[in-house]
């Protein structure tokens, strides 16, 4: 399907996913122009965003990502791989009033992983 529609199909599909999402989770250790673009679009759509970064990778996280963190709608968490599942559980178990209010259905959260 992607081969038939090419880049345009991928772009439109991913933007549709962003529009439907209540929460965007992005692993940002590996720099990616596509993920950066999607994060910018998610911010413009006022989405709840969690960026995950592995400091032990030896990479430096872009100041545009770390600097966007406001501790509320846009969060950046440093992690180690063995911590990931527990950290995601912690994030999604916290009944953030912002996240519940932003959701069209407070009992279900639409998630987009970048």
PDB file of N, CA and C in Angstrom:
ATOM      1  N   UNK A   1       0.831  -1.199   0.000  1.00  0.00           N
ATOM      2  CA  UNK A   1       0.000   0.000   0.000  1.00  0.00           C
ATOM      3  C   UNK A   1       0.870   1.255   0.000  1.00  0.00           C
ATOM      4  N   UNK A   2       1.920   1.265   0.839  1.00  0.00           N
ATOM      5  CA  UNK A   2       2.793   2.433   0.891  1.00  0.00           C
ATOM      6  C   UNK A   2       3.502   2.643  -0.436  1.00  0.00           C
ATOM      7  N   UNK A   3       3.916   1.542  -1.093  1.00  0.00           N
ATOM      8  CA  UNK A   3       4.612   1.668  -2.368  1.00  0.00           C
ATOM      9  C   UNK A   3       3.695   2.282  -3.417  1.00  0.00           C
ATOM     10  N   UNK A   4       2.414   1.956  -3.368  1.00  0.00           N
ATOM     11  CA  UNK A   4       1.463   2.471  -4.348  1.00  0.00           C
ATOM     12  C   UNK A   4       1.228   3.972  -4.167  1.00  0.00           C
ATOM     13  N   UNK A   5       1.173   4.437  -2.934  1.00  0.00           N
ATOM     14  CA  UNK A   5       0.889   5.850  -2.667  1.00  0.00           C
ATOM     15  C   UNK A   5       2.119   6.684  -2.433  1.00  0.00           C
ATOM     16  N   UNK A   6       3.222   6.030  -2.133  1.00  0.00           N
ATOM     17  CA  UNK A   6       4.484   6.721  -1.943  1.00  0.00           C
ATOM     18  C   UNK A   6       4.505   7.656  -0.749  1.00  0.00           C
ATOM     19  N   UNK A   7       5.362   8.652  -0.865  1.00  0.00           N
ATOM     20  CA  UNK A   7       5.607   9.584   0.228  1.00  0.00           C
ATOM     21  C   UNK A   7       4.345  10.332   0.639  1.00  0.00           C
ATOM     22  N   UNK A   8       3.534  10.734  -0.334  1.00  0.00           N
ATOM     23  CA  UNK A   8       2.309  11.496  -0.031  1.00  0.00           C
ATOM     24  C   UNK A   8       1.384  10.681   0.872  1.00  0.00           C
ATOM     25  N   UNK A   9       1.213   9.395   0.568  1.00  0.00           N
ATOM     26  CA  UNK A   9       0.349   8.534   1.368  1.00  0.00           C
ATOM     27  C   UNK A   9       0.866   8.425   2.802  1.00  0.00           C
ATOM     28  N   UNK A  10       2.162   8.224   2.949  1.00  0.00           N
ATOM     29  CA  UNK A  10       2.760   8.111   4.279  1.00  0.00           C
ATOM     30  C   UNK A  10       2.551   9.411   5.058  1.00  0.00           C
ATOM     31  N   UNK A  11       2.799  10.545   4.424  1.00  0.00           N
ATOM     32  CA  UNK A  11       2.633  11.845   5.075  1.00  0.00           C
ATOM     33  C   UNK A  11       1.190  12.049   5.524  1.00  0.00           C
ATOM     34  N   UNK A  12       0.245  11.828   4.643  1.00  0.00           N
ATOM     35  CA  UNK A  12      -1.168  12.032   4.972  1.00  0.00           C
ATOM     36  C   UNK A  12      -1.643  11.061   6.049  1.00  0.00           C
ATOM     37  N   UNK A  13      -1.209   9.803   5.965  1.00  0.00           N
ATOM     38  CA  UNK A  13      -1.594   8.806   6.972  1.00  0.00           C
ATOM     39  C   UNK A  13      -1.060   9.197   8.344  1.00  0.00           C
ATOM     40  N   UNK A  14       0.213   9.579   8.399  1.00  0.00           N
ATOM     41  CA  UNK A  14       0.810   9.938   9.686  1.00  0.00           C
ATOM     42  C   UNK A  14       0.174  11.194  10.280  1.00  0.00           C
ATOM     43  N   UNK A  15      -0.165  12.163   9.445  1.00  0.00           N
ATOM     44  CA  UNK A  15      -0.854  13.356   9.947  1.00  0.00           C
ATOM     45  C   UNK A  15      -2.244  13.014  10.466  1.00  0.00           C
ATOM     46  N   UNK A  16      -2.929  12.093   9.807  1.00  0.00           N
ATOM     47  CA  UNK A  16      -4.246  11.654  10.291  1.00  0.00           C
ATOM     48  C   UNK A  16      -4.108  10.990  11.655  1.00  0.00           C
ATOM     49  N   UNK A  17      -3.066  10.168  11.812  1.00  0.00           N
ATOM     50  CA  UNK A  17      -2.834   9.544  13.122  1.00  0.00           C
ATOM     51  C   UNK A  17      -2.587  10.603  14.193  1.00  0.00           C
ATOM     52  N   UNK A  18      -1.798  11.622  13.858  1.00  0.00           N
ATOM     53  CA  UNK A  18      -1.532  12.692  14.823  1.00  0.00           C
ATOM     54  C   UNK A  18      -2.818  13.407  15.216  1.00  0.00           C
ATOM     55  N   UNK A  19      -3.667  13.683  14.257  1.00  0.00           N
ATOM     56  CA  UNK A  19      -4.921  14.383  14.556  1.00  0.00           C
ATOM     57  C   UNK A  19      -5.820  13.549  15.463  1.00  0.00           C
ATOM     58  N   UNK A  20      -5.792  12.239  15.312  1.00  0.00           N
ATOM     59  CA  UNK A  20      -6.632  11.356  16.120  1.00  0.00           C
ATOM     60  C   UNK A  20      -6.059  11.112  17.516  1.00  0.00           C
ATOM     61  N   UNK A  21      -4.771  11.284  17.668  1.00  0.00           N
ATOM     62  CA  UNK A  21      -4.092  10.935  18.917  1.00  0.00           C
ATOM     63  C   UNK A  21      -4.416  11.915  20.036  1.00  0.00           C
ATOM     64  N   UNK A  22      -4.520  11.384  21.230  1.00  0.00           N
ATOM     65  CA  UNK A  22      -4.614  12.206  22.430  1.00  0.00           C
ATOM     66  C   UNK A  22      -3.232  12.413  23.024  1.00  0.00           C
ATOM     67  N   UNK A  23      -2.359  11.431  22.834  1.00  0.00           N
ATOM     68  CA  UNK A  23      -1.008  11.447  23.383  1.00  0.00           C
ATOM     69  C   UNK A  23      -0.041  11.000  22.292  1.00  0.00           C
ATOM     70  N   UNK A  24       1.093  11.681  22.203  1.00  0.00           N
ATOM     71  CA  UNK A  24       2.155  11.301  21.277  1.00  0.00           C
ATOM     72  C   UNK A  24       3.375  10.930  22.110  1.00  0.00           C
ATOM     73  N   UNK A  25       3.898   9.725  21.880  1.00  0.00           N
ATOM     74  CA  UNK A  25       5.116   9.277  22.551  1.00  0.00           C
ATOM     75  C   UNK A  25       6.178   9.112  21.472  1.00  0.00           C
ATOM     76  N   UNK A  26       7.313   9.789  21.658  1.00  0.00           N
ATOM     77  CA  UNK A  26       8.387   9.739  20.671  1.00  0.00           C
ATOM     78  C   UNK A  26       9.691   9.339  21.332  1.00  0.00           C
ATOM     79  N   UNK A  27      10.362   8.351  20.754  1.00  0.00           N
ATOM     80  CA  UNK A  27      11.705   7.997  21.185  1.00  0.00           C
ATOM     81  C   UNK A  27      12.631   8.894  20.371  1.00  0.00           C
ATOM     82  N   UNK A  28      13.366   9.775  21.045  1.00  0.00           N
ATOM     83  CA  UNK A  28      14.123  10.830  20.370  1.00  0.00           C
ATOM     84  C   UNK A  28      15.640  10.682  20.492  1.00  0.00           C
ATOM     85  N   UNK A  29      16.105   9.502  20.886  1.00  0.00           N
ATOM     86  CA  UNK A  29      17.544   9.301  21.028  1.00  0.00           C
ATOM     87  C   UNK A  29      18.243   9.414  19.677  1.00  0.00           C
ATOM     88  N   UNK A  30      17.689   8.781  18.659  1.00  0.00           N
ATOM     89  CA  UNK A  30      18.239   8.851  17.296  1.00  0.00           C
ATOM     90  C   UNK A  30      17.640  10.062  16.597  1.00  0.00           C
ATOM     91  N   UNK A  31      18.451  11.042  16.216  1.00  0.00           N
ATOM     92  CA  UNK A  31      17.896  12.214  15.526  1.00  0.00           C
ATOM     93  C   UNK A  31      17.143  11.808  14.262  1.00  0.00           C
ATOM     94  N   UNK A  32      16.001  12.453  14.044  1.00  0.00           N
ATOM     95  CA  UNK A  32      15.169  12.138  12.887  1.00  0.00           C
ATOM     96  C   UNK A  32      14.419  13.387  12.449  1.00  0.00           C
ATOM     97  N   UNK A  33      14.602  13.775  11.205  1.00  0.00           N
ATOM     98  CA  UNK A  33      13.875  14.929  10.682  1.00  0.00           C
ATOM     99  C   UNK A  33      12.379  14.667  10.699  1.00  0.00           C
ATOM    100  N   UNK A  34      11.973  13.436  10.379  1.00  0.00           N
ATOM    101  CA  UNK A  34      10.551  13.092  10.360  1.00  0.00           C
ATOM    102  C   UNK A  34       9.921  13.204  11.734  1.00  0.00           C
ATOM    103  N   UNK A  35      10.594  12.673  12.744  1.00  0.00           N
ATOM    104  CA  UNK A  35      10.056  12.750  14.102  1.00  0.00           C
ATOM    105  C   UNK A  35      10.001  14.199  14.567  1.00  0.00           C
ATOM    106  N   UNK A  36      11.027  14.974  14.249  1.00  0.00           N
ATOM    107  CA  UNK A  36      11.011  16.396  14.612  1.00  0.00           C
ATOM    108  C   UNK A  36       9.834  17.119  13.980  1.00  0.00           C
ATOM    109  N   UNK A  37       9.583  16.841  12.715  1.00  0.00           N
ATOM    110  CA  UNK A  37       8.445  17.435  12.004  1.00  0.00           C
ATOM    111  C   UNK A  37       7.132  17.027  12.677  1.00  0.00           C
ATOM    112  N   UNK A  38       6.999  15.734  12.982  1.00  0.00           N
ATOM    113  CA  UNK A  38       5.772  15.253  13.616  1.00  0.00           C
ATOM    114  C   UNK A  38       5.583  15.860  15.002  1.00  0.00           C
ATOM    115  N   UNK A  39       6.662  16.038  15.745  1.00  0.00           N
ATOM    116  CA  UNK A  39       6.546  16.665  17.062  1.00  0.00           C
ATOM    117  C   UNK A  39       6.090  18.117  16.935  1.00  0.00           C
ATOM    118  N   UNK A  40       6.628  18.828  15.962  1.00  0.00           N
ATOM    119  CA  UNK A  40       6.190  20.204  15.729  1.00  0.00           C
ATOM    120  C   UNK A  40       4.708  20.264  15.389  1.00  0.00           C
ATOM    121  N   UNK A  41       4.266  19.345  14.539  1.00  0.00           N
ATOM    122  CA  UNK A  41       2.844  19.300  14.181  1.00  0.00           C
ATOM    123  C   UNK A  41       1.998  18.941  15.398  1.00  0.00           C
ATOM    124  N   UNK A  42       2.477  17.996  16.209  1.00  0.00           N
ATOM    125  CA  UNK A  42       1.743  17.607  17.415  1.00  0.00           C
ATOM    126  C   UNK A  42       1.622  18.784  18.377  1.00  0.00           C
ATOM    127  N   UNK A  43       2.684  19.581  18.492  1.00  0.00           N
ATOM    128  CA  UNK A  43       2.625  20.775  19.346  1.00  0.00           C
ATOM    129  C   UNK A  43       1.588  21.751  18.809  1.00  0.00           C
ATOM    130  N   UNK A  44       1.589  21.955  17.492  1.00  0.00           N
ATOM    131  CA  UNK A  44       0.631  22.880  16.881  1.00  0.00           C
ATOM    132  C   UNK A  44      -0.802  22.405  17.087  1.00  0.00           C
ATOM    133  N   UNK A  45      -0.977  21.086  17.191  1.00  0.00           N
ATOM    134  CA  UNK A  45      -2.306  20.510  17.436  1.00  0.00           C
ATOM    135  C   UNK A  45      -2.633  20.452  18.927  1.00  0.00           C
ATOM    136  N   UNK A  46      -1.724  20.969  19.765  1.00  0.00           N
ATOM    137  CA  UNK A  46      -1.905  21.014  21.223  1.00  0.00           C
ATOM    138  C   UNK A  46      -2.059  19.616  21.837  1.00  0.00           C
ATOM    139  N   UNK A  47      -1.265  18.671  21.340  1.00  0.00           N
ATOM    140  CA  UNK A  47      -1.300  17.297  21.847  1.00  0.00           C
ATOM    141  C   UNK A  47      -0.431  17.150  23.083  1.00  0.00           C
ATOM    142  N   UNK A  48      -0.764  16.186  23.899  1.00  0.00           N
ATOM    143  CA  UNK A  48       0.067  15.781  25.030  1.00  0.00           C
ATOM    144  C   UNK A  48       1.243  15.007  24.438  1.00  0.00           C
ATOM    145  N   UNK A  49       2.494  15.374  24.796  1.00  0.00           N
ATOM    146  CA  UNK A  49       3.678  14.775  24.183  1.00  0.00           C
ATOM    147  C   UNK A  49       4.641  14.289  25.257  1.00  0.00           C
ATOM    148  N   UNK A  50       5.126  13.060  25.068  1.00  0.00           N
ATOM    149  CA  UNK A  50       6.178  12.508  25.915  1.00  0.00           C
ATOM    150  C   UNK A  50       7.322  12.091  25.007  1.00  0.00           C
ATOM    151  N   UNK A  51       8.499  12.705  25.198  1.00  0.00           N
ATOM    152  CA  UNK A  51       9.698  12.338  24.457  1.00  0.00           C
ATOM    153  C   UNK A  51      10.597  11.524  25.382  1.00  0.00           C
ATOM    154  N   UNK A  52      11.134  10.435  24.861  1.00  0.00           N
ATOM    155  CA  UNK A  52      11.993   9.544  25.630  1.00  0.00           C
ATOM    156  C   UNK A  52      13.394   9.566  25.045  1.00  0.00           C
ATOM    157  N   UNK A  53      14.392   9.770  25.930  1.00  0.00           N
ATOM    158  CA  UNK A  53      15.785   9.895  25.494  1.00  0.00           C
ATOM    159  C   UNK A  53      16.687   9.030  26.364  1.00  0.00           C
ATOM    160  N   UNK A  54      17.625   8.309  25.724  1.00  0.00           N
ATOM    161  CA  UNK A  54      18.594   7.464  26.435  1.00  0.00           C
ATOM    162  C   UNK A  54      19.942   8.169  26.512  1.00  0.00           C
ATOM    163  N   UNK A  55      20.287   8.774  27.648  1.00  0.00           N
ATOM    164  CA  UNK A  55      21.548   9.509  27.784  1.00  0.00           C
ATOM    165  C   UNK A  55      22.784   8.636  27.552  1.00  0.00           C
ATOM    166  N   UNK A  56      22.719   7.358  27.901  1.00  0.00           N
ATOM    167  CA  UNK A  56      23.886   6.481  27.743  1.00  0.00           C
ATOM    168  C   UNK A  56      24.212   6.183  26.279  1.00  0.00           C
ATOM    169  N   UNK A  57      23.381   6.637  25.368  1.00  0.00           N
ATOM    170  CA  UNK A  57      23.623   6.397  23.943  1.00  0.00           C
ATOM    171  C   UNK A  57      24.864   7.146  23.457  1.00  0.00           C
ATOM    172  N   UNK A  58      25.303   8.140  24.233  1.00  0.00           N
ATOM    173  CA  UNK A  58      26.425   8.959  23.820  1.00  0.00           C
ATOM    174  C   UNK A  58      26.000  10.133  22.944  1.00  0.00           C
ATOM    175  N   UNK A  59      24.727  10.217  22.638  1.00  0.00           N
ATOM    176  CA  UNK A  59      24.203  11.316  21.818  1.00  0.00           C
ATOM    177  C   UNK A  59      23.799  12.474  22.724  1.00  0.00           C
ATOM    178  N   UNK A  60      23.620  13.619  22.105  1.00  0.00           N
ATOM    179  CA  UNK A  60      23.139  14.796  22.808  1.00  0.00           C
ATOM    180  C   UNK A  60      21.763  15.127  22.243  1.00  0.00           C
ATOM    181  N   UNK A  61      20.796  15.288  23.119  1.00  0.00           N
ATOM    182  CA  UNK A  61      19.445  15.614  22.678  1.00  0.00           C
ATOM    183  C   UNK A  61      19.387  17.058  22.197  1.00  0.00           C
ATOM    184  N   UNK A  62      18.716  17.262  21.080  1.00  0.00           N
ATOM    185  CA  UNK A  62      18.561  18.594  20.511  1.00  0.00           C
ATOM    186  C   UNK A  62      17.966  19.554  21.540  1.00  0.00           C
ATOM    187  N   UNK A  63      18.520  20.746  21.602  1.00  0.00           N
ATOM    188  CA  UNK A  63      17.988  21.779  22.497  1.00  0.00           C
ATOM    189  C   UNK A  63      16.558  22.147  22.118  1.00  0.00           C
ATOM    190  N   UNK A  64      16.194  21.973  20.859  1.00  0.00           N
ATOM    191  CA  UNK A  64      14.820  22.271  20.432  1.00  0.00           C
ATOM    192  C   UNK A  64      13.826  21.298  21.059  1.00  0.00           C
ATOM    193  N   UNK A  65      14.265  20.085  21.338  1.00  0.00           N
ATOM    194  CA  UNK A  65      13.382  19.109  22.001  1.00  0.00           C
ATOM    195  C   UNK A  65      13.417  19.328  23.509  1.00  0.00           C
ATOM    196  N   UNK A  66      14.616  19.296  24.100  1.00  0.00           N
ATOM    197  CA  UNK A  66      14.708  19.447  25.551  1.00  0.00           C
ATOM    198  C   UNK A  66      14.183  20.815  25.976  1.00  0.00           C
ATOM    199  N   UNK A  67      14.433  21.827  25.190  1.00  0.00           N
ATOM    200  CA  UNK A  67      13.982  23.173  25.525  1.00  0.00           C
ATOM    201  C   UNK A  67      12.489  23.373  25.405  1.00  0.00           C
ATOM    202  N   UNK A  68      11.806  22.502  24.670  1.00  0.00           N
ATOM    203  CA  UNK A  68      10.351  22.603  24.525  1.00  0.00           C
ATOM    204  C   UNK A  68       9.610  22.043  25.734  1.00  0.00           C
ATOM    205  N   UNK A  69      10.311  21.269  26.546  1.00  0.00           N
ATOM    206  CA  UNK A  69       9.666  20.634  27.701  1.00  0.00           C
ATOM    207  C   UNK A  69       9.147  21.689  28.665  1.00  0.00           C
ATOM    208  N   UNK A  70       7.871  21.558  28.995  1.00  0.00           N
ATOM    209  CA  UNK A  70       7.255  22.492  29.935  1.00  0.00           C
ATOM    210  C   UNK A  70       6.791  21.785  31.212  1.00  0.00           C
ATOM    211  N   UNK A  71       7.070  20.474  31.304  1.00  0.00           N
ATOM    212  CA  UNK A  71       6.688  19.714  32.491  1.00  0.00           C
ATOM    213  C   UNK A  71       5.212  19.375  32.547  1.00  0.00           C
ATOM    214  N   UNK A  72       4.493  19.737  31.542  1.00  0.00           N
ATOM    215  CA  UNK A  72       3.055  19.499  31.520  1.00  0.00           C
ATOM    216  C   UNK A  72       2.652  18.834  30.203  1.00  0.00           C
ATOM    217  N   UNK A  73       2.302  19.626  29.210  1.00  0.00           N
ATOM    218  CA  UNK A  73       1.865  19.071  27.919  1.00  0.00           C
ATOM    219  C   UNK A  73       3.021  18.453  27.129  1.00  0.00           C
ATOM    220  N   UNK A  74       4.231  18.990  27.289  1.00  0.00           N
ATOM    221  CA  UNK A  74       5.404  18.483  26.577  1.00  0.00           C
ATOM    222  C   UNK A  74       6.432  18.064  27.616  1.00  0.00           C
ATOM    223  N   UNK A  75       6.702  16.766  27.684  1.00  0.00           N
ATOM    224  CA  UNK A  75       7.644  16.258  28.672  1.00  0.00           C
ATOM    225  C   UNK A  75       8.766  15.504  27.978  1.00  0.00           C
ATOM    226  N   UNK A  76       9.967  15.606  28.538  1.00  0.00           N
ATOM    227  CA  UNK A  76      11.118  14.845  28.072  1.00  0.00           C
ATOM    228  C   UNK A  76      11.625  14.043  29.260  1.00  0.00           C
ATOM    229  N   UNK A  77      11.667  12.730  29.091  1.00  0.00           N
ATOM    230  CA  UNK A  77      12.153  11.851  30.154  1.00  0.00           C
ATOM    231  C   UNK A  77      13.387  11.113  29.673  1.00  0.00           C
ATOM    232  N   UNK A  78      14.457  11.149  30.471  1.00  0.00           N
ATOM    233  CA  UNK A  78      15.629  10.332  30.231  1.00  0.00           C
ATOM    234  C   UNK A  78      15.337   8.947  30.799  1.00  0.00           C
ATOM    235  N   UNK A  79      15.837   7.911  30.118  1.00  0.00           N
ATOM    236  CA  UNK A  79      15.538   6.554  30.581  1.00  0.00           C
ATOM    237  C   UNK A  79      16.624   5.578  30.161  1.00  0.00           C
ATOM    238  N   UNK A  80      16.615   4.441  30.800  1.00  0.00           N
ATOM    239  CA  UNK A  80      17.409   3.281  30.405  1.00  0.00           C
ATOM    240  C   UNK A  80      16.413   2.232  29.908  1.00  0.00           C
ATOM    241  N   UNK A  81      16.836   1.409  28.961  1.00  0.00           N
ATOM    242  CA  UNK A  81      15.901   0.476  28.332  1.00  0.00           C
ATOM    243  C   UNK A  81      15.144  -0.386  29.332  1.00  0.00           C
ATOM    244  N   UNK A  82      15.810  -0.837  30.383  1.00  0.00           N
ATOM    245  CA  UNK A  82      15.143  -1.707  31.354  1.00  0.00           C
ATOM    246  C   UNK A  82      14.080  -0.962  32.167  1.00  0.00           C
ATOM    247  N   UNK A  83      14.081   0.354  32.122  1.00  0.00           N
ATOM    248  CA  UNK A  83      13.097   1.167  32.855  1.00  0.00           C
ATOM    249  C   UNK A  83      11.866   1.513  32.020  1.00  0.00           C
ATOM    250  N   UNK A  84      11.941   1.284  30.727  1.00  0.00           N
ATOM    251  CA  UNK A  84      10.935   1.827  29.818  1.00  0.00           C
ATOM    252  C   UNK A  84       9.505   1.412  30.161  1.00  0.00           C
ATOM    253  N   UNK A  85       9.263   0.140  30.351  1.00  0.00           N
ATOM    254  CA  UNK A  85       7.901  -0.322  30.616  1.00  0.00           C
ATOM    255  C   UNK A  85       7.328   0.315  31.882  1.00  0.00           C
ATOM    256  N   UNK A  86       8.111   0.355  32.945  1.00  0.00           N
ATOM    257  CA  UNK A  86       7.641   0.950  34.203  1.00  0.00           C
ATOM    258  C   UNK A  86       7.393   2.449  34.037  1.00  0.00           C
ATOM    259  N   UNK A  87       8.240   3.110  33.264  1.00  0.00           N
ATOM    260  CA  UNK A  87       8.058   4.548  33.053  1.00  0.00           C
ATOM    261  C   UNK A  87       6.788   4.842  32.257  1.00  0.00           C
ATOM    262  N   UNK A  88       6.528   4.039  31.227  1.00  0.00           N
ATOM    263  CA  UNK A  88       5.299   4.235  30.456  1.00  0.00           C
ATOM    264  C   UNK A  88       4.073   3.956  31.312  1.00  0.00           C
ATOM    265  N   UNK A  89       4.151   2.910  32.143  1.00  0.00           N
ATOM    266  CA  UNK A  89       3.039   2.636  33.069  1.00  0.00           C
ATOM    267  C   UNK A  89       2.808   3.836  33.974  1.00  0.00           C
ATOM    268  N   UNK A  90       3.885   4.396  34.514  1.00  0.00           N
ATOM    269  CA  UNK A  90       3.785   5.556  35.398  1.00  0.00           C
ATOM    270  C   UNK A  90       3.140   6.734  34.667  1.00  0.00           C
ATOM    271  N   UNK A  91       3.568   6.982  33.451  1.00  0.00           N
ATOM    272  CA  UNK A  91       3.039   8.107  32.678  1.00  0.00           C
ATOM    273  C   UNK A  91       1.543   7.949  32.416  1.00  0.00           C
ATOM    274  N   UNK A  92       1.138   6.766  31.991  1.00  0.00           N
ATOM    275  CA  UNK A  92      -0.258   6.570  31.621  1.00  0.00           C
ATOM    276  C   UNK A  92      -1.177   6.297  32.807  1.00  0.00           C
ATOM    277  N   UNK A  93      -0.615   5.883  33.939  1.00  0.00           N
ATOM    278  CA  UNK A  93      -1.442   5.691  35.127  1.00  0.00           C
ATOM    279  C   UNK A  93      -1.731   7.009  35.817  1.00  0.00           C
ATOM    280  N   UNK A  94      -0.886   7.997  35.613  1.00  0.00           N
ATOM    281  CA  UNK A  94      -1.116   9.310  36.206  1.00  0.00           C
ATOM    282  C   UNK A  94      -2.306   9.929  35.484  1.00  0.00           C
ATOM    283  N   UNK A  95      -3.408  10.062  36.166  1.00  0.00           N
ATOM    284  CA  UNK A  95      -4.606  10.624  35.552  1.00  0.00           C
ATOM    285  C   UNK A  95      -4.476  12.131  35.480  1.00  0.00           C
ATOM    286  N   UNK A  96      -3.713  12.566  34.496  1.00  0.00           N
ATOM    287  CA  UNK A  96      -3.519  13.988  34.289  1.00  0.00           C
ATOM    288  C   UNK A  96      -4.838  14.637  33.903  1.00  0.00           C
ATOM    289  N   UNK A  97      -5.273  15.663  34.628  1.00  0.00           N
ATOM    290  CA  UNK A  97      -6.505  16.351  34.251  1.00  0.00           C
ATOM    291  C   UNK A  97      -6.442  16.885  32.821  1.00  0.00           C
ATOM    292  N   UNK A  98      -5.242  17.335  32.386  1.00  0.00           N
ATOM    293  CA  UNK A  98      -5.098  17.822  31.012  1.00  0.00           C
ATOM    294  C   UNK A  98      -5.357  16.714  30.014  1.00  0.00           C
ATOM    295  N   UNK A  99      -4.803  15.522  30.303  1.00  0.00           N
ATOM    296  CA  UNK A  99      -4.943  14.409  29.376  1.00  0.00           C
ATOM    297  C   UNK A  99      -6.395  13.957  29.315  1.00  0.00           C
ATOM    298  N   UNK A 100      -7.066  13.890  30.454  1.00  0.00           N
ATOM    299  CA  UNK A 100      -8.463  13.474  30.478  1.00  0.00           C
ATOM    300  C   UNK A 100      -9.337  14.510  29.778  1.00  0.00           C
ATOM    301  N   UNK A 101      -9.077  15.789  30.026  1.00  0.00           N
ATOM    302  CA  UNK A 101      -9.871  16.852  29.402  1.00  0.00           C
ATOM    303  C   UNK A 101      -9.662  16.884  27.896  1.00  0.00           C
ATOM    304  N   UNK A 102      -8.448  16.570  27.449  1.00  0.00           N
ATOM    305  CA  UNK A 102      -8.146  16.614  26.019  1.00  0.00           C
ATOM    306  C   UNK A 102      -8.750  15.431  25.271  1.00  0.00           C
ATOM    307  N   UNK A 103      -9.027  14.373  25.991  1.00  0.00           N
ATOM    308  CA  UNK A 103      -9.544  13.172  25.351  1.00  0.00           C
ATOM    309  C   UNK A 103     -11.028  13.318  25.045  1.00  0.00           C
ATOM    310  N   UNK A 104     -11.389  12.901  23.834  1.00  0.00           N
ATOM    311  CA  UNK A 104     -12.811  12.915  23.479  1.00  0.00           C
ATOM    312  C   UNK A 104     -13.567  11.858  24.281  1.00  0.00           C
ATOM    313  N   UNK A 105     -12.881  10.802  24.679  1.00  0.00           N
ATOM    314  CA  UNK A 105     -13.459   9.730  25.467  1.00  0.00           C
ATOM    315  C   UNK A 105     -12.527   9.490  26.641  1.00  0.00           C
ATOM    316  N   UNK A 106     -12.833  10.024  27.823  1.00  0.00           N
ATOM    317  CA  UNK A 106     -11.906   9.940  28.953  1.00  0.00           C
ATOM    318  C   UNK A 106     -11.541   8.526  29.376  1.00  0.00           C
ATOM    319  N   UNK A 107     -12.254   7.513  28.915  1.00  0.00           N
ATOM    320  CA  UNK A 107     -11.912   6.148  29.304  1.00  0.00           C
ATOM    321  C   UNK A 107     -10.936   5.497  28.334  1.00  0.00           C
ATOM    322  N   UNK A 108     -10.656   6.171  27.210  1.00  0.00           N
ATOM    323  CA  UNK A 108      -9.728   5.610  26.222  1.00  0.00           C
ATOM    324  C   UNK A 108      -8.789   6.704  25.726  1.00  0.00           C
ATOM    325  N   UNK A 109      -7.526   6.368  25.642  1.00  0.00           N
ATOM    326  CA  UNK A 109      -6.533   7.320  25.166  1.00  0.00           C
ATOM    327  C   UNK A 109      -6.016   6.831  23.821  1.00  0.00           C
ATOM    328  N   UNK A 110      -6.085   7.673  22.813  1.00  0.00           N
ATOM    329  CA  UNK A 110      -5.506   7.353  21.510  1.00  0.00           C
ATOM    330  C   UNK A 110      -4.041   7.728  21.558  1.00  0.00           C
ATOM    331  N   UNK A 111      -3.178   6.807  21.151  1.00  0.00           N
ATOM    332  CA  UNK A 111      -1.746   6.983  21.287  1.00  0.00           C
ATOM    333  C   UNK A 111      -1.069   6.877  19.931  1.00  0.00           C
ATOM    334  N   UNK A 112      -0.176   7.798  19.669  1.00  0.00           N
ATOM    335  CA  UNK A 112       0.663   7.714  18.474  1.00  0.00           C
ATOM    336  C   UNK A 112       2.103   7.587  18.934  1.00  0.00           C
ATOM    337  N   UNK A 113       2.788   6.546  18.453  1.00  0.00           N
ATOM    338  CA  UNK A 113       4.199   6.341  18.768  1.00  0.00           C
ATOM    339  C   UNK A 113       5.024   6.781  17.586  1.00  0.00           C
ATOM    340  N   UNK A 114       6.007   7.616  17.846  1.00  0.00           N
ATOM    341  CA  UNK A 114       6.891   8.073  16.772  1.00  0.00           C
ATOM    342  C   UNK A 114       8.223   7.383  16.894  1.00  0.00           C
TER     343      UNK A 114
END
